[in-house]
Amino acid sequence: MKTMFRSFAAVNFRIWFFGALVSSIGTWMQTTAQSWVVLTELTHNDATAMGVTMALQFGPPLLLVGVTGWVADRFDRRYVLMVTQSSLLLIAATISVLLLTGILTLPLMFVLALVAGIATAFDTPARQAFVSDLVPRELASNAVALNSSSFNLARMIGPAVAGVMIVLVGSGWVFLVNALTFLAVLVALLLIRPHELVPRQRPEGSARLADGVRYVRSRADLSVVFAMVLIFGMFGMNLPIFASTMAVEFQQGADGFGLLTSILAIGSLSGALLAARRERARLSVVIVALGGFGIAMIAASFAPTYWVFAIMLVIVGFTTVTALTTTNGYVQTTTEPALRGRVLALYFALLMGGTPIGAPIVGAIATALGPRAAIFISAVICLFACGIGVTWVARSGRLHRAEGSRFRLRLDETVPIVLPRDVTPGSGKPRAAAPRRDAATGRATAPRPQ
């Protein structure tokens, strides 16, 4: 248990954790309410409209990736977060007023979703990189996992509360409560001790996104990770569409939809906590988790009852968060600190930016063929992403037959990753990578990422 929560030794991380937890509960309340409002109040069960809303909300991270990564690396992330969190507070309050006064229309929701997406595009890379500023580098992977567990604990609480509130008092009040919860993270940002933040190396020169892209291209492991993330973002990150349309399929109301999202979070929280126990993030865990996600989603598409579907969502949530938390930790802990903001911006642009492409497609399939077909097709495509990882592992020379067994395989993650070129710290400019000597043979090998 002590190992799992070792990042709590840092005062700044403790302050951030609890402030972010309260805010995330409100965010999940709003996410649930927004999906339900679009599906049942602004349209007549139109999953395509939900897909368009998600596309508008998740499109800006992809379109603005060059700017958002530069902002996360160039400016004080604490102040950046104060601006983005305040903006999201105002957006939530605006939607609340429009709903409570009966003025909100579908086009207005589209506009507000786009504005929220722009704020989120700047918020996400700064927020994710800020976690690494709160703790020493050796605790970064644990802090990322605990930050994810906070997010998923909120995911377990928020949707259930939102579902009950929609039934009892209406959806407008859910958005108002979310607006108020942003105050918790703003207070946390004010309470954090700036002098105890981990000093970070600021980039020299123009800090271009191209430097981050060049860095990722020079890392075969990161290129594979980003390819898997793009596919998963397009077809796996559409759980609001899957849960809401299946709730309607099983003739459930807003409370039934909220409960499904909370049940999904039970598995998500378990995955985040187990990730926090691991000493370091491993690619093998990402690949296995993506495979498990695809299999669980296929099983969910054939669920005969509401409760069988809910049970399968526990596994879906577990594999989803295991894959994403491990990937996030791997990217943060193996990336050059001066480039971390740009690399994370690129990472989240692919993860979240894939949704504008996949969500309308998944929504259209759900409308035309039913939600089960949408879930099944998405699952098969995500298994293809897993196949990319398996293929790379097999070709990289990391997969070996276990000693003393004809059939068992083992994955050697200590094999050095070949880097065609490295990046000079702080500049993003390529330089020749220094050779590394093997301790046993004395031969020069390719350097491993720091």
Protein backbone atom coordinates (compact mmCIF):
# COMPACT_ATOMS: atom_id res chain seq x y z
CA MET A 1 0.00 0.00 0.00
CA LYS A 2 2.85 2.38 0.87
CA THR A 3 4.46 1.66 -2.49
CA MET A 4 1.21 2.39 -4.31
CA PHE A 5 0.83 5.88 -2.76
CA ARG A 6 4.51 6.85 -2.53
CA SER A 7 3.95 10.12 -4.45
CA PHE A 8 1.85 11.43 -1.55
CA ALA A 9 5.16 12.14 0.19
CA ALA A 10 5.26 15.32 -1.91
CA VAL A 11 3.05 18.04 -0.38
CA ASN A 12 2.34 19.68 -3.72
CA PHE A 13 1.12 16.40 -5.20
CA ARG A 14 -1.25 15.85 -2.26
CA ILE A 15 -2.75 19.30 -2.74
CA TRP A 16 -3.14 18.75 -6.48
CA PHE A 17 -4.59 15.25 -6.11
CA PHE A 18 -7.55 16.25 -3.95
CA GLY A 19 -8.29 19.46 -5.83
CA ALA A 20 -8.23 17.61 -9.14
CA LEU A 21 -10.45 14.86 -7.70
CA VAL A 22 -13.25 17.28 -6.82
CA SER A 23 -13.01 19.00 -10.20
CA SER A 24 -12.96 15.67 -12.06
CA ILE A 25 -16.16 14.56 -10.33
CA GLY A 26 -17.86 17.65 -11.73
CA THR A 27 -16.34 17.07 -15.16
CA TRP A 28 -17.73 13.53 -15.31
CA MET A 29 -21.11 14.81 -14.16
CA GLN A 30 -21.12 17.26 -17.06
CA THR A 31 -19.90 14.67 -19.57
CA THR A 32 -22.77 12.37 -18.62
CA ALA A 33 -25.34 15.17 -18.70
CA GLN A 34 -24.07 16.49 -22.05
CA SER A 35 -24.36 13.09 -23.73
CA TRP A 36 -27.88 12.60 -22.35
CA VAL A 37 -29.02 16.11 -23.29
CA VAL A 38 -27.84 15.73 -26.89
CA LEU A 39 -29.28 12.22 -27.23
CA THR A 40 -32.68 12.72 -25.58
CA GLU A 41 -33.44 16.44 -25.05
CA LEU A 42 -32.02 18.13 -28.14
CA THR A 43 -32.61 15.19 -30.52
CA HIS A 44 -34.69 12.03 -30.65
CA ASN A 45 -32.03 9.40 -29.86
CA ASP A 46 -29.72 10.64 -32.63
CA ALA A 47 -26.33 9.00 -32.02
CA THR A 48 -24.89 10.86 -35.03
CA ALA A 49 -25.49 14.19 -33.25
CA MET A 50 -23.59 12.80 -30.27
CA GLY A 51 -20.73 11.88 -32.58
CA VAL A 52 -20.65 15.42 -34.02
CA THR A 53 -20.62 16.91 -30.51
CA MET A 54 -17.68 14.71 -29.52
CA ALA A 55 -15.89 15.57 -32.77
CA LEU A 56 -16.21 19.30 -32.07
CA GLN A 57 -15.05 18.83 -28.49
CA PHE A 58 -12.06 16.61 -29.28
CA GLY A 59 -11.03 18.15 -32.61
CA PRO A 60 -9.13 21.22 -31.30
CA PRO A 61 -6.36 19.18 -29.59
CA LEU A 62 -5.43 17.83 -33.01
CA LEU A 63 -5.77 21.12 -34.90
CA LEU A 64 -3.95 23.21 -32.28
CA VAL A 65 -1.25 20.71 -31.32
CA GLY A 66 1.56 22.96 -32.54
CA VAL A 67 0.44 25.83 -30.32
CA THR A 68 -0.66 23.90 -27.22
CA GLY A 69 2.57 21.94 -26.92
CA TRP A 70 4.60 25.13 -27.29
CA VAL A 71 2.53 26.82 -24.55
CA ALA A 72 2.98 23.85 -22.19
CA ASP A 73 6.77 23.94 -22.64
CA ARG A 74 7.30 27.72 -22.78
CA PHE A 75 5.08 29.14 -20.02
CA ASP A 76 4.51 28.46 -16.33
CA ARG A 77 2.12 25.50 -16.39
CA ARG A 78 0.53 26.57 -13.12
CA TYR A 79 -0.64 29.85 -14.64
CA VAL A 80 -1.69 28.16 -17.87
CA LEU A 81 -3.93 25.84 -15.86
CA MET A 82 -5.46 28.76 -13.97
CA VAL A 83 -6.52 30.29 -17.29
CA THR A 84 -7.85 27.07 -18.84
CA GLN A 85 -9.71 25.94 -15.72
CA SER A 86 -11.33 29.36 -15.34
CA SER A 87 -12.41 29.22 -19.00
CA LEU A 88 -13.98 25.79 -18.55
CA LEU A 89 -15.80 27.07 -15.45
CA LEU A 90 -17.40 29.88 -17.49
CA ILE A 91 -18.40 27.48 -20.28
CA ALA A 92 -20.12 25.11 -17.83
CA ALA A 93 -21.95 28.03 -16.19
CA THR A 94 -23.11 29.27 -19.62
CA ILE A 95 -24.55 25.88 -20.61
CA SER A 96 -26.29 25.68 -17.23
CA VAL A 97 -28.00 29.05 -17.71
CA LEU A 98 -29.06 28.20 -21.28
CA LEU A 99 -30.54 24.88 -20.16
CA LEU A 100 -32.35 26.28 -17.13
CA THR A 101 -33.88 29.07 -19.21
CA GLY A 102 -34.85 26.71 -22.06
CA ILE A 103 -32.74 28.58 -24.64
CA LEU A 104 -30.20 25.85 -25.47
CA THR A 105 -30.44 24.39 -28.97
CA LEU A 106 -28.36 21.76 -30.75
CA PRO A 107 -26.38 24.34 -32.81
CA LEU A 108 -25.62 26.27 -29.61
CA MET A 109 -24.43 23.04 -27.96
CA PHE A 110 -22.17 22.42 -30.95
CA VAL A 111 -20.63 25.90 -30.55
CA LEU A 112 -20.09 25.51 -26.81
CA ALA A 113 -18.61 22.03 -27.30
CA LEU A 114 -16.11 23.54 -29.76
CA VAL A 115 -15.17 26.35 -27.35
CA ALA A 116 -14.73 23.81 -24.52
CA GLY A 117 -12.57 21.74 -26.85
CA ILE A 118 -10.27 24.70 -27.51
CA ALA A 119 -9.82 25.30 -23.77
CA THR A 120 -9.23 21.59 -23.20
CA ALA A 121 -6.63 21.52 -25.99
CA PHE A 122 -4.45 23.91 -23.97
CA ASP A 123 -5.39 22.38 -20.61
CA THR A 124 -4.55 18.73 -21.27
CA PRO A 125 -0.81 18.82 -22.16
CA ALA A 126 -0.14 21.44 -19.48
CA ARG A 127 -2.05 19.43 -16.85
CA GLN A 128 -0.40 16.13 -17.71
CA ALA A 129 3.10 17.62 -17.82
CA PHE A 130 2.40 19.55 -14.58
CA VAL A 131 2.08 16.25 -12.70
CA SER A 132 5.76 15.60 -13.44
CA ASP A 133 6.60 19.03 -12.01
CA LEU A 134 5.08 18.07 -8.64
CA VAL A 135 7.29 15.07 -7.81
CA PRO A 136 10.90 13.92 -8.35
CA ARG A 137 11.56 12.05 -11.59
CA GLU A 138 11.75 8.65 -9.87
CA LEU A 139 8.14 9.14 -8.70
CA ALA A 140 6.79 10.45 -12.01
CA SER A 141 5.34 7.13 -13.20
CA ASN A 142 3.61 6.58 -9.85
CA ALA A 143 2.27 10.16 -9.84
CA VAL A 144 0.85 9.73 -13.35
CA ALA A 145 -0.90 6.52 -12.28
CA LEU A 146 -2.31 8.09 -9.10
CA ASN A 147 -3.47 11.10 -11.09
CA SER A 148 -5.28 8.67 -13.37
CA SER A 149 -6.81 6.90 -10.36
CA SER A 150 -8.14 10.25 -9.14
CA PHE A 151 -9.70 10.82 -12.56
CA ASN A 152 -11.29 7.37 -12.57
CA LEU A 153 -12.51 7.57 -8.99
CA ALA A 154 -14.32 10.69 -10.12
CA ARG A 155 -15.59 8.73 -13.11
CA MET A 156 -17.14 6.23 -10.71
CA ILE A 157 -18.87 8.91 -8.64
CA GLY A 158 -19.76 11.67 -11.12
CA PRO A 159 -21.95 9.84 -13.66
CA ALA A 160 -24.06 8.13 -10.99
CA VAL A 161 -24.66 11.46 -9.25
CA ALA A 162 -25.43 13.13 -12.60
CA GLY A 163 -27.94 10.44 -13.54
CA VAL A 164 -29.84 10.87 -10.28
CA MET A 165 -29.72 14.67 -10.52
CA ILE A 166 -31.07 14.65 -14.10
CA VAL A 167 -34.04 12.56 -12.96
CA LEU A 168 -34.70 14.62 -9.79
CA VAL A 169 -33.92 18.24 -10.70
CA GLY A 170 -32.97 18.35 -14.40
CA SER A 171 -29.77 18.45 -16.43
CA GLY A 172 -29.18 22.21 -16.13
CA TRP A 173 -28.27 21.92 -12.45
CA VAL A 174 -25.63 19.30 -13.24
CA PHE A 175 -23.70 21.82 -15.36
CA LEU A 176 -23.98 24.39 -12.56
CA VAL A 177 -22.51 21.96 -10.02
CA ASN A 178 -19.64 21.24 -12.41
CA ALA A 179 -18.93 24.97 -12.71
CA LEU A 180 -18.62 25.17 -8.93
CA THR A 181 -16.24 22.19 -8.72
CA PHE A 182 -13.66 24.03 -10.85
CA LEU A 183 -13.09 26.23 -7.81
CA ALA A 184 -11.45 23.25 -6.05
CA VAL A 185 -8.66 22.90 -8.60
CA LEU A 186 -8.20 26.68 -8.78
CA VAL A 187 -7.75 26.80 -4.99
CA ALA A 188 -5.31 23.88 -5.20
CA LEU A 189 -3.24 25.76 -7.80
CA LEU A 190 -3.09 28.75 -5.47
CA LEU A 191 -2.05 26.59 -2.49
CA ILE A 192 0.74 24.75 -4.32
CA ARG A 193 4.21 25.86 -3.19
CA PRO A 194 6.03 27.16 -6.28
CA HIS A 195 9.48 26.89 -4.67
CA GLU A 196 8.96 23.12 -4.19
CA LEU A 197 8.12 22.45 -7.84
CA VAL A 198 10.72 20.37 -9.67
CA PRO A 199 12.91 22.72 -11.76
CA ARG A 200 12.37 22.07 -15.43
CA GLN A 201 14.55 22.82 -18.40
CA ARG A 202 12.90 25.33 -20.68
CA PRO A 203 13.47 24.91 -24.42
CA GLU A 204 15.85 27.22 -26.23
CA GLY A 205 14.92 28.85 -29.50
CA SER A 206 11.48 28.63 -31.07
CA ALA A 207 10.38 25.35 -29.42
CA ARG A 208 8.71 24.11 -32.58
CA LEU A 209 6.29 21.19 -32.70
CA ALA A 210 8.53 19.77 -35.44
CA ASP A 211 11.18 19.12 -32.78
CA GLY A 212 8.71 16.93 -30.89
CA VAL A 213 7.69 15.13 -34.09
CA ARG A 214 11.34 14.58 -35.01
CA TYR A 215 12.01 13.17 -31.55
CA VAL A 216 9.10 10.73 -31.78
CA ARG A 217 10.15 9.63 -35.26
CA SER A 218 13.64 8.89 -33.94
CA ARG A 219 12.15 6.56 -31.33
CA ALA A 220 10.73 3.37 -32.87
CA ASP A 221 9.00 2.50 -29.60
CA LEU A 222 7.22 5.87 -29.39
CA SER A 223 6.22 5.70 -33.06
CA VAL A 224 4.51 2.36 -32.40
CA VAL A 225 2.85 3.67 -29.24
CA PHE A 226 1.52 6.74 -31.05
CA ALA A 227 0.16 4.60 -33.91
CA MET A 228 -1.73 2.41 -31.43
CA VAL A 229 -2.99 5.47 -29.57
CA LEU A 230 -4.33 7.06 -32.78
CA ILE A 231 -6.38 3.98 -33.67
CA PHE A 232 -7.61 3.57 -30.10
CA GLY A 233 -8.56 7.25 -29.94
CA MET A 234 -10.60 6.94 -33.12
CA PHE A 235 -12.61 3.83 -32.26
CA GLY A 236 -12.04 2.94 -28.61
CA MET A 237 -12.61 6.33 -26.96
CA ASN A 238 -16.30 6.51 -27.86
CA LEU A 239 -17.61 5.00 -24.63
CA PRO A 240 -20.24 7.74 -24.10
CA ILE A 241 -21.82 6.73 -27.41
CA PHE A 242 -21.65 3.03 -26.56
CA ALA A 243 -23.04 3.39 -23.03
CA SER A 244 -25.83 5.86 -23.86
CA THR A 245 -27.11 4.02 -26.94
CA MET A 246 -27.01 0.66 -25.14
CA ALA A 247 -28.89 2.22 -22.21
CA VAL A 248 -31.61 3.19 -24.67
CA GLU A 249 -31.38 -0.29 -26.23
CA PHE A 250 -32.12 -1.80 -22.81
CA GLN A 251 -34.91 0.78 -22.22
CA GLN A 252 -33.09 2.55 -19.40
CA GLY A 253 -33.34 6.22 -18.43
CA ALA A 254 -30.71 8.80 -17.48
CA ASP A 255 -30.08 7.06 -14.17
CA GLY A 256 -29.44 3.78 -15.97
CA PHE A 257 -26.99 5.50 -18.32
CA GLY A 258 -25.21 7.18 -15.40
CA LEU A 259 -24.94 3.86 -13.59
CA LEU A 260 -23.33 2.23 -16.64
CA THR A 261 -20.67 4.94 -16.74
CA SER A 262 -20.01 4.54 -13.00
CA ILE A 263 -19.74 0.77 -13.35
CA LEU A 264 -17.26 1.31 -16.18
CA ALA A 265 -15.25 3.43 -13.74
CA ILE A 266 -14.99 0.55 -11.24
CA GLY A 267 -12.74 -1.27 -13.67
CA SER A 268 -11.00 1.99 -14.63
CA LEU A 269 -10.09 2.76 -11.02
CA SER A 270 -8.79 -0.77 -10.50
CA GLY A 271 -6.59 -0.44 -13.57
CA ALA A 272 -5.19 2.90 -12.41
CA LEU A 273 -4.38 1.62 -8.92
CA LEU A 274 -2.62 -1.46 -10.27
CA ALA A 275 -0.62 0.78 -12.60
CA ALA A 276 0.46 2.79 -9.55
CA ARG A 277 1.95 -0.37 -8.01
CA ARG A 278 4.25 -1.01 -10.97
CA GLU A 279 7.78 0.30 -10.68
CA ARG A 280 7.81 1.44 -14.29
CA ALA A 281 5.56 1.60 -17.32
CA ARG A 282 6.05 -1.29 -19.77
CA LEU A 283 5.04 -1.54 -23.41
CA SER A 284 4.05 -5.17 -22.97
CA VAL A 285 1.31 -4.08 -20.55
CA VAL A 286 -0.05 -1.62 -23.13
CA ILE A 287 -0.21 -4.27 -25.85
CA VAL A 288 -1.89 -6.88 -23.65
CA ALA A 289 -4.39 -4.30 -22.35
CA LEU A 290 -5.39 -3.27 -25.88
CA GLY A 291 -5.95 -6.92 -26.78
CA GLY A 292 -8.06 -7.40 -23.66
CA PHE A 293 -10.09 -4.29 -24.51
CA GLY A 294 -10.94 -5.61 -27.97
CA ILE A 295 -12.02 -9.01 -26.64
CA ALA A 296 -14.11 -7.48 -23.83
CA MET A 297 -15.84 -5.12 -26.27
CA ILE A 298 -16.73 -7.98 -28.60
CA ALA A 299 -18.26 -9.85 -25.65
CA ALA A 300 -20.14 -6.68 -24.60
CA SER A 301 -21.67 -6.35 -28.07
CA PHE A 302 -23.41 -9.70 -27.56
CA ALA A 303 -24.60 -8.99 -23.99
CA PRO A 304 -28.22 -10.24 -23.67
CA THR A 305 -29.20 -8.07 -20.69
CA TYR A 306 -28.40 -4.70 -19.14
CA TRP A 307 -26.54 -6.26 -16.20
CA VAL A 308 -24.42 -8.58 -18.36
CA PHE A 309 -23.43 -5.54 -20.43
CA ALA A 310 -22.60 -3.66 -17.20
CA ILE A 311 -20.33 -6.49 -16.01
CA MET A 312 -18.46 -6.46 -19.32
CA LEU A 313 -17.97 -2.70 -18.95
CA VAL A 314 -15.94 -3.34 -15.79
CA ILE A 315 -13.42 -5.27 -17.91
CA VAL A 316 -13.59 -2.61 -20.64
CA GLY A 317 -12.83 0.10 -18.10
CA PHE A 318 -9.97 -1.88 -16.55
CA THR A 319 -8.24 -2.53 -19.88
CA THR A 320 -8.83 1.01 -21.15
CA VAL A 321 -7.20 2.71 -18.18
CA THR A 322 -4.42 0.14 -17.93
CA ALA A 323 -3.48 0.88 -21.54
CA LEU A 324 -3.77 4.67 -21.31
CA THR A 325 -2.16 5.10 -17.88
CA THR A 326 0.77 2.88 -18.79
CA THR A 327 1.21 4.67 -22.12
CA ASN A 328 1.08 8.07 -20.46
CA GLY A 329 3.64 7.01 -17.86
CA TYR A 330 5.92 5.51 -20.50
CA VAL A 331 5.85 8.65 -22.64
CA GLN A 332 6.48 10.97 -19.68
CA THR A 333 9.29 8.98 -18.09
CA THR A 334 11.24 8.25 -21.29
CA THR A 335 10.96 11.65 -23.00
CA GLU A 336 13.58 14.40 -22.86
CA PRO A 337 12.26 16.88 -20.21
CA ALA A 338 12.69 19.94 -22.44
CA LEU A 339 10.49 18.27 -25.07
CA ARG A 340 7.95 16.70 -22.74
CA GLY A 341 5.22 19.30 -23.29
CA ARG A 342 5.39 19.04 -27.07
CA VAL A 343 5.56 15.25 -27.07
CA LEU A 344 2.61 15.05 -24.66
CA ALA A 345 0.67 17.55 -26.78
CA LEU A 346 1.29 15.32 -29.81
CA TYR A 347 0.30 12.25 -27.79
CA PHE A 348 -3.00 13.73 -26.63
CA ALA A 349 -3.66 15.25 -30.05
CA LEU A 350 -3.58 11.75 -31.51
CA LEU A 351 -5.53 10.21 -28.61
CA MET A 352 -8.23 12.88 -28.43
CA GLY A 353 -7.90 14.15 -31.98
CA GLY A 354 -8.72 10.74 -33.37
CA THR A 355 -12.18 11.04 -31.84
CA PRO A 356 -13.43 13.67 -34.33
CA ILE A 357 -12.74 11.15 -37.07
CA GLY A 358 -14.05 8.04 -35.32
CA ALA A 359 -16.97 9.41 -33.26
CA PRO A 360 -19.18 10.51 -36.20
CA ILE A 361 -18.45 7.18 -37.93
CA VAL A 362 -19.31 5.18 -34.80
CA GLY A 363 -22.40 7.33 -34.20
CA ALA A 364 -23.58 6.81 -37.79
CA ILE A 365 -23.07 3.04 -37.49
CA ALA A 366 -25.02 3.00 -34.21
CA THR A 367 -27.88 4.95 -35.84
CA ALA A 368 -27.97 2.84 -39.00
CA LEU A 369 -27.11 -0.67 -37.72
CA GLY A 370 -27.63 -0.39 -33.98
CA PRO A 371 -25.24 0.08 -31.05
CA ARG A 372 -24.17 -3.58 -30.97
CA ALA A 373 -22.76 -3.35 -34.49
CA ALA A 374 -20.94 -0.12 -33.61
CA ILE A 375 -19.33 -1.75 -30.57
CA PHE A 376 -18.33 -4.90 -32.47
CA ILE A 377 -16.75 -3.05 -35.40
CA SER A 378 -14.84 -0.70 -33.05
CA ALA A 379 -13.54 -3.68 -31.07
CA VAL A 380 -12.19 -5.40 -34.18
CA ILE A 381 -10.37 -2.23 -35.25
CA CYS A 382 -8.82 -1.86 -31.76
CA LEU A 383 -7.56 -5.45 -32.00
CA PHE A 384 -5.75 -4.32 -35.14
CA ALA A 385 -3.99 -1.67 -33.00
CA CYS A 386 -2.91 -4.42 -30.64
CA GLY A 387 -1.59 -6.33 -33.66
CA ILE A 388 0.67 -3.39 -34.55
CA GLY A 389 2.30 -3.62 -31.14
CA VAL A 390 2.67 -7.39 -31.30
CA THR A 391 4.24 -7.16 -34.77
CA TRP A 392 6.78 -4.56 -33.63
CA VAL A 393 7.71 -6.57 -30.53
CA ALA A 394 8.26 -9.68 -32.66
CA ARG A 395 10.40 -7.81 -35.20
CA SER A 396 12.41 -5.89 -32.60
CA GLY A 397 14.06 -9.03 -31.25
CA ARG A 398 12.50 -8.67 -27.82
CA LEU A 399 10.36 -11.82 -27.96
CA HIS A 400 12.10 -15.06 -26.98
CA ARG A 401 11.15 -18.60 -26.06
CA ALA A 402 11.24 -19.07 -22.32
CA GLU A 403 14.03 -21.27 -21.04
CA GLY A 404 12.90 -24.80 -20.17
CA SER A 405 9.61 -24.47 -22.06
CA ARG A 406 8.78 -25.17 -25.68
CA PHE A 407 5.62 -23.07 -25.82
CA ARG A 408 6.00 -20.22 -23.34
CA LEU A 409 7.33 -16.88 -24.56
CA ARG A 410 8.98 -14.06 -22.65
CA LEU A 411 9.38 -10.42 -23.53
CA ASP A 412 12.78 -8.88 -22.83
CA GLU A 413 12.20 -5.14 -22.33
CA THR A 414 15.84 -4.51 -21.45
CA VAL A 415 16.88 -4.74 -25.10
CA PRO A 416 18.17 -1.27 -26.08
CA ILE A 417 15.97 0.71 -28.45
CA VAL A 418 17.74 1.77 -31.62
CA LEU A 419 17.83 5.56 -31.90
CA PRO A 420 18.87 6.85 -35.34
CA ARG A 421 19.47 10.23 -33.73
CA ASP A 422 19.03 11.88 -30.38
CA VAL A 423 17.93 15.38 -29.44
CA THR A 424 20.15 17.97 -27.81
CA PRO A 425 18.55 18.83 -24.45
CA GLY A 426 16.68 22.11 -24.54
CA SER A 427 16.90 22.68 -28.28
CA GLY A 428 15.19 19.84 -30.06
CA LYS A 429 18.03 19.80 -32.63
CA PRO A 430 19.35 16.42 -33.72
CA ARG A 431 22.80 15.27 -32.70
CA ALA A 432 24.65 12.01 -33.03
CA ALA A 433 23.64 9.52 -30.36
CA ALA A 434 26.47 8.40 -28.09
CA PRO A 435 27.12 4.65 -28.08
CA ARG A 436 26.48 2.61 -24.94
CA ARG A 437 28.70 -0.26 -23.81
CA ASP A 438 27.21 -3.60 -22.90
CA ALA A 439 28.38 -4.49 -19.38
CA ALA A 440 28.91 -8.16 -20.23
CA THR A 441 30.54 -8.01 -23.67
CA GLY A 442 32.00 -4.49 -23.75
CA ARG A 443 30.55 -4.00 -27.24
CA ALA A 444 28.96 -0.73 -28.22
CA THR A 445 25.17 -0.80 -28.49
CA ALA A 446 22.53 1.79 -29.30
CA PRO A 447 21.73 4.10 -26.39
CA ARG A 448 18.51 3.63 -24.50
CA PRO A 449 16.11 6.57 -23.96
CA GLN A 450 16.72 8.47 -20.75
